Amino acid sequence: MKGKPRTSFSVRRYRSIVAAILVAADISVLTLTLSSCGSKPPEVASVEWRIESRPRPEGSEATNSLGTYESLSVFGSIKDEAGPDNISELWIVNDASCLAWKLTDADWTKTNSGEDIWIGSSALATPELSSLPRGDYRMIAIDAAGTQAELGFTVVGEFPKKAPPRVSYGNGALSIHSDWPENLVLAFDGAGALITSVAAPTAASSLSDEFGKDNALRVAAIGAYGYDPELKMGSFSRRITMR
């Protein structure tokens, strides 16, 4: 959540993906040469997505009254007979708008949910931090042998006209003000890394009560996140600095 958002690059045509590790510039036509070694391709079993509003970086031009921009969070349940470490690349593609994002193990997030491995990223945004296109997307997984699998998903819905959550802290008490159905309070350390996230308090409470004594001593900034599970949309507050 800290720093510049991940941005996409434009492509004039998008047919398939090259099994390469580094892409340094915009690509006009991408083609995939499948490996002839006969390995079983990976599988994208399912995809989960969210559209989220985030505070625009300091100094960037605001395009709405809230000073926010839209980002995409997307994760796929990836299966590979050689194990999840055999996946070398993920691509998130919107063909209609000629947008694509490349992810590797240098920048994706990998989580376990039971026996399922989920791989993806958040804060995917357009270069101009404009509203994300709705419609059909594809997640493409490529393994170390160069074989690929993909699964389509559809992003729909108008972002709700709700203000982001607000965080306040004074006299040792933390409060979250939000119109979103579900809310989290987020604790960050001095380097901007997330320490922990917990359900937002319904009444003012201390940092120790919310995060525990050990974590409370490390907190340098606090933020909040509101989410509507029916819409698959959420919103981040601006962080407030504690020290």
C-alpha atoms as a PDB file:
ATOM      1  CA  MET A   1       0.000   0.000   0.000  1.00  0.00           C
ATOM      2  CA  LYS A   2       2.954   2.319   0.396  1.00  0.00           C
ATOM      3  CA  GLY A   3       4.823   3.857  -2.478  1.00  0.00           C
ATOM      4  CA  LYS A   4       3.956   3.981  -6.143  1.00  0.00           C
ATOM      5  CA  PRO A   5       1.236   1.617  -7.344  1.00  0.00           C
ATOM      6  CA  ARG A   6       2.070  -1.141  -9.788  1.00  0.00           C
ATOM      7  CA  THR A   7       1.204   0.129 -13.236  1.00  0.00           C
ATOM      8  CA  SER A   8       0.423  -1.698 -16.421  1.00  0.00           C
ATOM      9  CA  PHE A   9       1.885  -1.367 -19.895  1.00  0.00           C
ATOM     10  CA  SER A  10      -0.081  -1.046 -23.135  1.00  0.00           C
ATOM     11  CA  VAL A  11      -0.056  -3.514 -25.993  1.00  0.00           C
ATOM     12  CA  ARG A  12      -1.465  -2.906 -29.508  1.00  0.00           C
ATOM     13  CA  ARG A  13      -2.421  -6.504 -29.935  1.00  0.00           C
ATOM     14  CA  TYR A  14      -2.433  -9.286 -27.374  1.00  0.00           C
ATOM     15  CA  ARG A  15      -2.503 -12.842 -28.693  1.00  0.00           C
ATOM     16  CA  SER A  16      -0.470 -14.906 -26.185  1.00  0.00           C
ATOM     17  CA  ILE A  17       2.439 -14.613 -23.751  1.00  0.00           C
ATOM     18  CA  VAL A  18       6.148 -15.229 -24.276  1.00  0.00           C
ATOM     19  CA  ALA A  19       7.689 -17.490 -21.612  1.00  0.00           C
ATOM     20  CA  ALA A  20      10.367 -14.952 -20.640  1.00  0.00           C
ATOM     21  CA  ILE A  21      11.476 -13.631 -17.281  1.00  0.00           C
ATOM     22  CA  LEU A  22      12.243 -10.005 -18.128  1.00  0.00           C
ATOM     23  CA  VAL A  23      10.170  -7.565 -20.179  1.00  0.00           C
ATOM     24  CA  ALA A  24      11.699  -4.095 -20.225  1.00  0.00           C
ATOM     25  CA  ALA A  25       9.460  -2.201 -22.643  1.00  0.00           C
ATOM     26  CA  ASP A  26       6.049  -2.118 -24.319  1.00  0.00           C
ATOM     27  CA  ILE A  27       5.344  -5.119 -26.534  1.00  0.00           C
ATOM     28  CA  SER A  28       3.395  -5.016 -29.803  1.00  0.00           C
ATOM     29  CA  VAL A  29       2.753  -8.727 -30.384  1.00  0.00           C
ATOM     30  CA  LEU A  30       3.412 -11.421 -27.800  1.00  0.00           C
ATOM     31  CA  THR A  31       3.601 -15.068 -28.878  1.00  0.00           C
ATOM     32  CA  LEU A  32       4.167 -18.184 -26.851  1.00  0.00           C
ATOM     33  CA  THR A  33       6.302 -21.098 -28.011  1.00  0.00           C
ATOM     34  CA  LEU A  34       5.242 -24.140 -26.051  1.00  0.00           C
ATOM     35  CA  SER A  35       7.897 -26.484 -24.730  1.00  0.00           C
ATOM     36  CA  SER A  36       8.112 -29.854 -26.414  1.00  0.00           C
ATOM     37  CA  CYS A  37       9.197 -31.652 -23.254  1.00  0.00           C
ATOM     38  CA  GLY A  38       5.694 -33.022 -22.704  1.00  0.00           C
ATOM     39  CA  SER A  39       5.161 -31.656 -19.183  1.00  0.00           C
ATOM     40  CA  LYS A  40       1.583 -31.288 -18.017  1.00  0.00           C
ATOM     41  CA  PRO A  41       0.480 -27.635 -18.144  1.00  0.00           C
ATOM     42  CA  PRO A  42      -0.488 -25.776 -14.971  1.00  0.00           C
ATOM     43  CA  GLU A  43      -4.110 -25.107 -14.097  1.00  0.00           C
ATOM     44  CA  VAL A  44      -5.813 -21.897 -13.009  1.00  0.00           C
ATOM     45  CA  ALA A  45      -8.612 -23.448 -10.977  1.00  0.00           C
ATOM     46  CA  SER A  46     -10.375 -20.237  -9.933  1.00  0.00           C
ATOM     47  CA  VAL A  47      -9.862 -16.481  -9.697  1.00  0.00           C
ATOM     48  CA  GLU A  48     -10.930 -13.979  -7.039  1.00  0.00           C
ATOM     49  CA  TRP A  49     -10.876 -10.221  -7.712  1.00  0.00           C
ATOM     50  CA  ARG A  50     -11.619  -6.910  -6.018  1.00  0.00           C
ATOM     51  CA  ILE A  51     -11.760  -3.303  -7.189  1.00  0.00           C
ATOM     52  CA  GLU A  52     -10.375  -0.965  -4.528  1.00  0.00           C
ATOM     53  CA  SER A  53     -10.011   2.773  -4.154  1.00  0.00           C
ATOM     54  CA  ARG A  54      -6.729   4.100  -2.788  1.00  0.00           C
ATOM     55  CA  PRO A  55      -5.479   7.565  -1.848  1.00  0.00           C
ATOM     56  CA  ARG A  56      -3.665   9.129  -4.783  1.00  0.00           C
ATOM     57  CA  PRO A  57       0.086   9.561  -4.237  1.00  0.00           C
ATOM     58  CA  GLU A  58       1.192  12.960  -3.013  1.00  0.00           C
ATOM     59  CA  GLY A  59       1.686  15.347  -5.907  1.00  0.00           C
ATOM     60  CA  SER A  60      -0.446  13.394  -8.412  1.00  0.00           C
ATOM     61  CA  GLU A  61      -3.371  15.080 -10.101  1.00  0.00           C
ATOM     62  CA  ALA A  62      -6.760  14.237  -8.572  1.00  0.00           C
ATOM     63  CA  THR A  63      -9.417  12.998 -10.976  1.00  0.00           C
ATOM     64  CA  ASN A  64     -12.283  12.864  -8.492  1.00  0.00           C
ATOM     65  CA  SER A  65     -13.463  14.811  -5.462  1.00  0.00           C
ATOM     66  CA  LEU A  66     -12.169  12.169  -3.047  1.00  0.00           C
ATOM     67  CA  GLY A  67      -8.608  12.277  -4.367  1.00  0.00           C
ATOM     68  CA  THR A  68      -8.585   8.513  -4.949  1.00  0.00           C
ATOM     69  CA  TYR A  69      -7.900   6.097  -7.801  1.00  0.00           C
ATOM     70  CA  GLU A  70      -9.019   2.556  -8.607  1.00  0.00           C
ATOM     71  CA  SER A  71      -6.801  -0.509  -8.337  1.00  0.00           C
ATOM     72  CA  LEU A  72      -7.366  -4.196  -9.014  1.00  0.00           C
ATOM     73  CA  SER A  73      -6.582  -6.981  -6.564  1.00  0.00           C
ATOM     74  CA  VAL A  74      -6.625 -10.413  -8.208  1.00  0.00           C
ATOM     75  CA  PHE A  75      -5.550 -13.873  -7.008  1.00  0.00           C
ATOM     76  CA  GLY A  76      -5.737 -17.240  -8.701  1.00  0.00           C
ATOM     77  CA  SER A  77      -5.823 -20.749  -7.285  1.00  0.00           C
ATOM     78  CA  ILE A  78      -2.903 -22.228  -9.253  1.00  0.00           C
ATOM     79  CA  LYS A  79      -2.241 -25.960  -9.522  1.00  0.00           C
ATOM     80  CA  ASP A  80       0.896 -27.524 -11.039  1.00  0.00           C
ATOM     81  CA  GLU A  81       2.020 -31.146 -10.867  1.00  0.00           C
ATOM     82  CA  ALA A  82       5.585 -29.994 -10.118  1.00  0.00           C
ATOM     83  CA  GLY A  83       4.424 -27.759  -7.277  1.00  0.00           C
ATOM     84  CA  PRO A  84       3.636 -24.027  -6.997  1.00  0.00           C
ATOM     85  CA  ASP A  85       7.322 -23.080  -7.213  1.00  0.00           C
ATOM     86  CA  ASN A  86       7.263 -24.308 -10.819  1.00  0.00           C
ATOM     87  CA  ILE A  87       5.141 -21.307 -11.844  1.00  0.00           C
ATOM     88  CA  SER A  88       7.405 -18.640 -13.326  1.00  0.00           C
ATOM     89  CA  GLU A  89       4.959 -15.943 -14.469  1.00  0.00           C
ATOM     90  CA  LEU A  90       1.411 -14.716 -14.145  1.00  0.00           C
ATOM     91  CA  TRP A  91      -0.239 -12.284 -16.539  1.00  0.00           C
ATOM     92  CA  ILE A  92      -3.441 -10.334 -15.919  1.00  0.00           C
ATOM     93  CA  VAL A  93      -4.867  -9.178 -19.237  1.00  0.00           C
ATOM     94  CA  ASN A  94      -7.760  -7.025 -20.403  1.00  0.00           C
ATOM     95  CA  ASP A  95      -7.794  -7.477 -24.179  1.00  0.00           C
ATOM     96  CA  ALA A  96     -10.469  -4.881 -24.928  1.00  0.00           C
ATOM     97  CA  SER A  97      -8.451  -2.020 -23.420  1.00  0.00           C
ATOM     98  CA  CYS A  98      -5.020  -3.433 -24.370  1.00  0.00           C
ATOM     99  CA  LEU A  99      -3.801  -3.590 -20.777  1.00  0.00           C
ATOM    100  CA  ALA A 100      -1.604  -6.306 -19.291  1.00  0.00           C
ATOM    101  CA  TRP A 101       0.303  -6.759 -16.044  1.00  0.00           C
ATOM    102  CA  LYS A 102       3.163  -9.219 -15.623  1.00  0.00           C
ATOM    103  CA  LEU A 103       3.861 -10.810 -12.225  1.00  0.00           C
ATOM    104  CA  THR A 104       6.780 -12.971 -11.111  1.00  0.00           C
ATOM    105  CA  ASP A 105       7.946 -14.275  -7.739  1.00  0.00           C
ATOM    106  CA  ALA A 106       9.759 -10.956  -7.280  1.00  0.00           C
ATOM    107  CA  ASP A 107       6.477  -9.107  -6.878  1.00  0.00           C
ATOM    108  CA  TRP A 108       3.524 -11.468  -6.495  1.00  0.00           C
ATOM    109  CA  THR A 109       1.996 -12.618  -3.210  1.00  0.00           C
ATOM    110  CA  LYS A 110       1.548 -16.320  -2.506  1.00  0.00           C
ATOM    111  CA  THR A 111      -0.790 -17.607   0.207  1.00  0.00           C
ATOM    112  CA  ASN A 112      -2.113 -20.986   1.353  1.00  0.00           C
ATOM    113  CA  SER A 113      -5.780 -21.687   1.984  1.00  0.00           C
ATOM    114  CA  GLY A 114      -6.112 -25.301   3.070  1.00  0.00           C
ATOM    115  CA  GLU A 115      -4.637 -27.353   0.237  1.00  0.00           C
ATOM    116  CA  ASP A 116      -4.996 -24.533  -2.282  1.00  0.00           C
ATOM    117  CA  ILE A 117      -2.186 -22.179  -3.301  1.00  0.00           C
ATOM    118  CA  TRP A 118      -3.297 -18.669  -4.265  1.00  0.00           C
ATOM    119  CA  ILE A 119      -0.971 -16.403  -6.241  1.00  0.00           C
ATOM    120  CA  GLY A 120      -1.636 -12.818  -7.278  1.00  0.00           C
ATOM    121  CA  SER A 121      -1.198  -9.175  -6.442  1.00  0.00           C
ATOM    122  CA  SER A 122      -3.023  -6.073  -5.340  1.00  0.00           C
ATOM    123  CA  ALA A 123      -2.743  -2.426  -6.389  1.00  0.00           C
ATOM    124  CA  LEU A 124      -2.679  -3.166 -10.133  1.00  0.00           C
ATOM    125  CA  ALA A 125      -3.509   0.141 -11.818  1.00  0.00           C
ATOM    126  CA  THR A 126      -3.450   1.931 -15.154  1.00  0.00           C
ATOM    127  CA  PRO A 127      -0.493   4.206 -15.914  1.00  0.00           C
ATOM    128  CA  GLU A 128      -2.727   7.276 -15.596  1.00  0.00           C
ATOM    129  CA  LEU A 129      -4.400   6.008 -12.398  1.00  0.00           C
ATOM    130  CA  SER A 130      -7.704   6.189 -14.261  1.00  0.00           C
ATOM    131  CA  SER A 131     -10.749   4.035 -13.568  1.00  0.00           C
ATOM    132  CA  LEU A 132     -10.170   0.389 -14.377  1.00  0.00           C
ATOM    133  CA  PRO A 133     -12.016  -1.054 -17.371  1.00  0.00           C
ATOM    134  CA  ARG A 134     -14.924  -3.332 -16.595  1.00  0.00           C
ATOM    135  CA  GLY A 135     -15.514  -6.460 -18.619  1.00  0.00           C
ATOM    136  CA  ASP A 136     -13.583  -9.605 -19.428  1.00  0.00           C
ATOM    137  CA  TYR A 137     -10.073 -10.304 -18.121  1.00  0.00           C
ATOM    138  CA  ARG A 138      -7.771 -13.319 -18.289  1.00  0.00           C
ATOM    139  CA  MET A 139      -5.311 -14.744 -15.792  1.00  0.00           C
ATOM    140  CA  ILE A 140      -2.519 -16.635 -17.558  1.00  0.00           C
ATOM    141  CA  ALA A 141      -0.112 -18.885 -15.631  1.00  0.00           C
ATOM    142  CA  ILE A 142       3.178 -19.988 -17.230  1.00  0.00           C
ATOM    143  CA  ASP A 143       5.411 -22.660 -15.731  1.00  0.00           C
ATOM    144  CA  ALA A 144       9.172 -23.119 -15.943  1.00  0.00           C
ATOM    145  CA  ALA A 145       8.811 -25.328 -19.025  1.00  0.00           C
ATOM    146  CA  GLY A 146       6.933 -22.611 -20.873  1.00  0.00           C
ATOM    147  CA  THR A 147       3.528 -24.318 -20.836  1.00  0.00           C
ATOM    148  CA  GLN A 148       0.577 -22.161 -19.979  1.00  0.00           C
ATOM    149  CA  ALA A 149      -3.002 -22.212 -18.733  1.00  0.00           C
ATOM    150  CA  GLU A 150      -5.543 -19.442 -18.432  1.00  0.00           C
ATOM    151  CA  LEU A 151      -8.902 -18.673 -16.897  1.00  0.00           C
ATOM    152  CA  GLY A 152     -11.199 -15.790 -17.697  1.00  0.00           C
ATOM    153  CA  PHE A 153     -13.024 -13.637 -15.165  1.00  0.00           C
ATOM    154  CA  THR A 154     -15.334 -10.648 -15.465  1.00  0.00           C
ATOM    155  CA  VAL A 155     -15.028  -7.413 -13.507  1.00  0.00           C
ATOM    156  CA  VAL A 156     -18.378  -5.681 -13.167  1.00  0.00           C
ATOM    157  CA  GLY A 157     -20.072  -2.951 -11.174  1.00  0.00           C
ATOM    158  CA  GLU A 158     -19.957   0.776 -10.582  1.00  0.00           C
ATOM    159  CA  PHE A 159     -17.851   1.822  -7.617  1.00  0.00           C
ATOM    160  CA  PRO A 160     -20.141   2.913  -4.735  1.00  0.00           C
ATOM    161  CA  LYS A 161     -20.336   6.601  -3.888  1.00  0.00           C
ATOM    162  CA  LYS A 162     -18.936   6.124  -0.406  1.00  0.00           C
ATOM    163  CA  ALA A 163     -16.133   8.017   1.247  1.00  0.00           C
ATOM    164  CA  PRO A 164     -13.066   6.005   2.285  1.00  0.00           C
ATOM    165  CA  PRO A 165     -12.880   4.992   5.960  1.00  0.00           C
ATOM    166  CA  ARG A 166     -11.303   7.558   8.300  1.00  0.00           C
ATOM    167  CA  VAL A 167      -8.903   6.898  11.153  1.00  0.00           C
ATOM    168  CA  SER A 168      -8.542   9.126  14.195  1.00  0.00           C
ATOM    169  CA  TYR A 169      -6.285   8.822  17.206  1.00  0.00           C
ATOM    170  CA  GLY A 170      -6.121  11.047  20.244  1.00  0.00           C
ATOM    171  CA  ASN A 171      -5.602  10.762  23.989  1.00  0.00           C
ATOM    172  CA  GLY A 172      -4.487   7.164  23.522  1.00  0.00           C
ATOM    173  CA  ALA A 173      -7.746   6.132  21.800  1.00  0.00           C
ATOM    174  CA  LEU A 174      -8.147   4.790  18.266  1.00  0.00           C
ATOM    175  CA  SER A 175     -11.393   5.247  16.311  1.00  0.00           C
ATOM    176  CA  ILE A 176     -12.529   4.181  12.834  1.00  0.00           C
ATOM    177  CA  HIS A 177     -15.329   6.019  11.017  1.00  0.00           C
ATOM    178  CA  SER A 178     -16.761   4.165   8.030  1.00  0.00           C
ATOM    179  CA  ASP A 179     -19.906   3.589   5.966  1.00  0.00           C
ATOM    180  CA  TRP A 180     -18.578   0.301   4.577  1.00  0.00           C
ATOM    181  CA  PRO A 181     -20.183  -3.010   5.721  1.00  0.00           C
ATOM    182  CA  GLU A 182     -16.895  -4.633   6.793  1.00  0.00           C
ATOM    183  CA  ASN A 183     -13.844  -2.828   8.128  1.00  0.00           C
ATOM    184  CA  LEU A 184     -10.275  -3.560   9.178  1.00  0.00           C
ATOM    185  CA  VAL A 185      -7.764  -1.418  11.014  1.00  0.00           C
ATOM    186  CA  LEU A 186      -4.214  -1.702   9.668  1.00  0.00           C
ATOM    187  CA  ALA A 187      -0.988  -1.254  11.657  1.00  0.00           C
ATOM    188  CA  PHE A 188       2.297  -0.359   9.912  1.00  0.00           C
ATOM    189  CA  ASP A 189       5.873  -0.169  11.154  1.00  0.00           C
ATOM    190  CA  GLY A 190       8.347   2.643  10.545  1.00  0.00           C
ATOM    191  CA  ALA A 191       9.348   1.213   7.161  1.00  0.00           C
ATOM    192  CA  GLY A 192       5.732   1.125   5.995  1.00  0.00           C
ATOM    193  CA  ALA A 193       5.378  -2.662   6.224  1.00  0.00           C
ATOM    194  CA  LEU A 194       2.079  -4.071   7.455  1.00  0.00           C
ATOM    195  CA  ILE A 195       2.435  -5.434  10.998  1.00  0.00           C
ATOM    196  CA  THR A 196      -1.086  -6.752  11.403  1.00  0.00           C
ATOM    197  CA  SER A 197      -4.714  -6.131  10.512  1.00  0.00           C
ATOM    198  CA  VAL A 198      -7.700  -6.694  12.794  1.00  0.00           C
ATOM    199  CA  ALA A 199     -11.432  -6.062  12.705  1.00  0.00           C
ATOM    200  CA  ALA A 200     -12.059  -2.354  13.218  1.00  0.00           C
ATOM    201  CA  PRO A 201     -13.266  -1.450  16.709  1.00  0.00           C
ATOM    202  CA  THR A 202     -16.871  -0.361  17.133  1.00  0.00           C
ATOM    203  CA  ALA A 203     -15.834   2.043  19.906  1.00  0.00           C
ATOM    204  CA  ALA A 204     -12.664   3.958  20.723  1.00  0.00           C
ATOM    205  CA  SER A 205      -9.939   1.656  22.017  1.00  0.00           C
ATOM    206  CA  SER A 206      -6.220   1.623  22.744  1.00  0.00           C
ATOM    207  CA  LEU A 207      -3.509   0.344  20.417  1.00  0.00           C
ATOM    208  CA  SER A 208      -2.701  -2.415  22.900  1.00  0.00           C
ATOM    209  CA  ASP A 209      -6.318  -3.552  22.965  1.00  0.00           C
ATOM    210  CA  GLU A 210      -6.451  -3.723  19.177  1.00  0.00           C
ATOM    211  CA  PHE A 211      -3.009  -5.004  18.235  1.00  0.00           C
ATOM    212  CA  GLY A 212      -1.564  -6.494  21.438  1.00  0.00           C
ATOM    213  CA  LYS A 213       1.154  -4.962  23.595  1.00  0.00           C
ATOM    214  CA  ASP A 214       4.121  -6.119  21.530  1.00  0.00           C
ATOM    215  CA  ASN A 215       2.679  -4.940  18.218  1.00  0.00           C
ATOM    216  CA  ALA A 216       1.490  -1.655  19.726  1.00  0.00           C
ATOM    217  CA  LEU A 217       5.088  -0.739  20.547  1.00  0.00           C
ATOM    218  CA  ARG A 218       6.041  -1.132  16.878  1.00  0.00           C
ATOM    219  CA  VAL A 219       3.168   0.835  15.323  1.00  0.00           C
ATOM    220  CA  ALA A 220       4.323   3.911  13.415  1.00  0.00           C
ATOM    221  CA  ALA A 221       1.221   4.486  11.271  1.00  0.00           C
ATOM    222  CA  ILE A 222      -2.402   3.371  11.172  1.00  0.00           C
ATOM    223  CA  GLY A 223      -4.865   2.997   8.317  1.00  0.00           C
ATOM    224  CA  ALA A 224      -8.249   1.435   7.678  1.00  0.00           C
ATOM    225  CA  TYR A 225      -9.856  -0.666   4.975  1.00  0.00           C
ATOM    226  CA  GLY A 226     -13.569  -0.917   4.236  1.00  0.00           C
ATOM    227  CA  TYR A 227     -15.072  -3.668   2.086  1.00  0.00           C
ATOM    228  CA  ASP A 228     -18.399  -4.632   0.542  1.00  0.00           C
ATOM    229  CA  PRO A 229     -18.335  -8.400  -0.176  1.00  0.00           C
ATOM    230  CA  GLU A 230     -21.442  -8.280  -2.355  1.00  0.00           C
ATOM    231  CA  LEU A 231     -19.911  -5.714  -4.688  1.00  0.00           C
ATOM    232  CA  LYS A 232     -16.355  -7.103  -4.448  1.00  0.00           C
ATOM    233  CA  MET A 233     -15.190  -3.548  -3.843  1.00  0.00           C
ATOM    234  CA  GLY A 234     -13.269  -1.872  -1.039  1.00  0.00           C
ATOM    235  CA  SER A 235     -11.581   1.351  -0.011  1.00  0.00           C
ATOM    236  CA  PHE A 236      -8.376   2.277   1.829  1.00  0.00           C
ATOM    237  CA  SER A 237      -8.052   5.296   4.105  1.00  0.00           C
ATOM    238  CA  ARG A 238      -5.096   7.608   4.231  1.00  0.00           C
ATOM    239  CA  ARG A 239      -2.665   6.596   6.939  1.00  0.00           C
ATOM    240  CA  ILE A 240      -2.075   8.670  10.022  1.00  0.00           C
ATOM    241  CA  THR A 241       1.411   8.796  11.512  1.00  0.00           C
ATOM    242  CA  MET A 242       1.814   7.863  15.145  1.00  0.00           C
ATOM    243  CA  ARG A 243       5.415   8.958  15.621  1.00  0.00           C
END
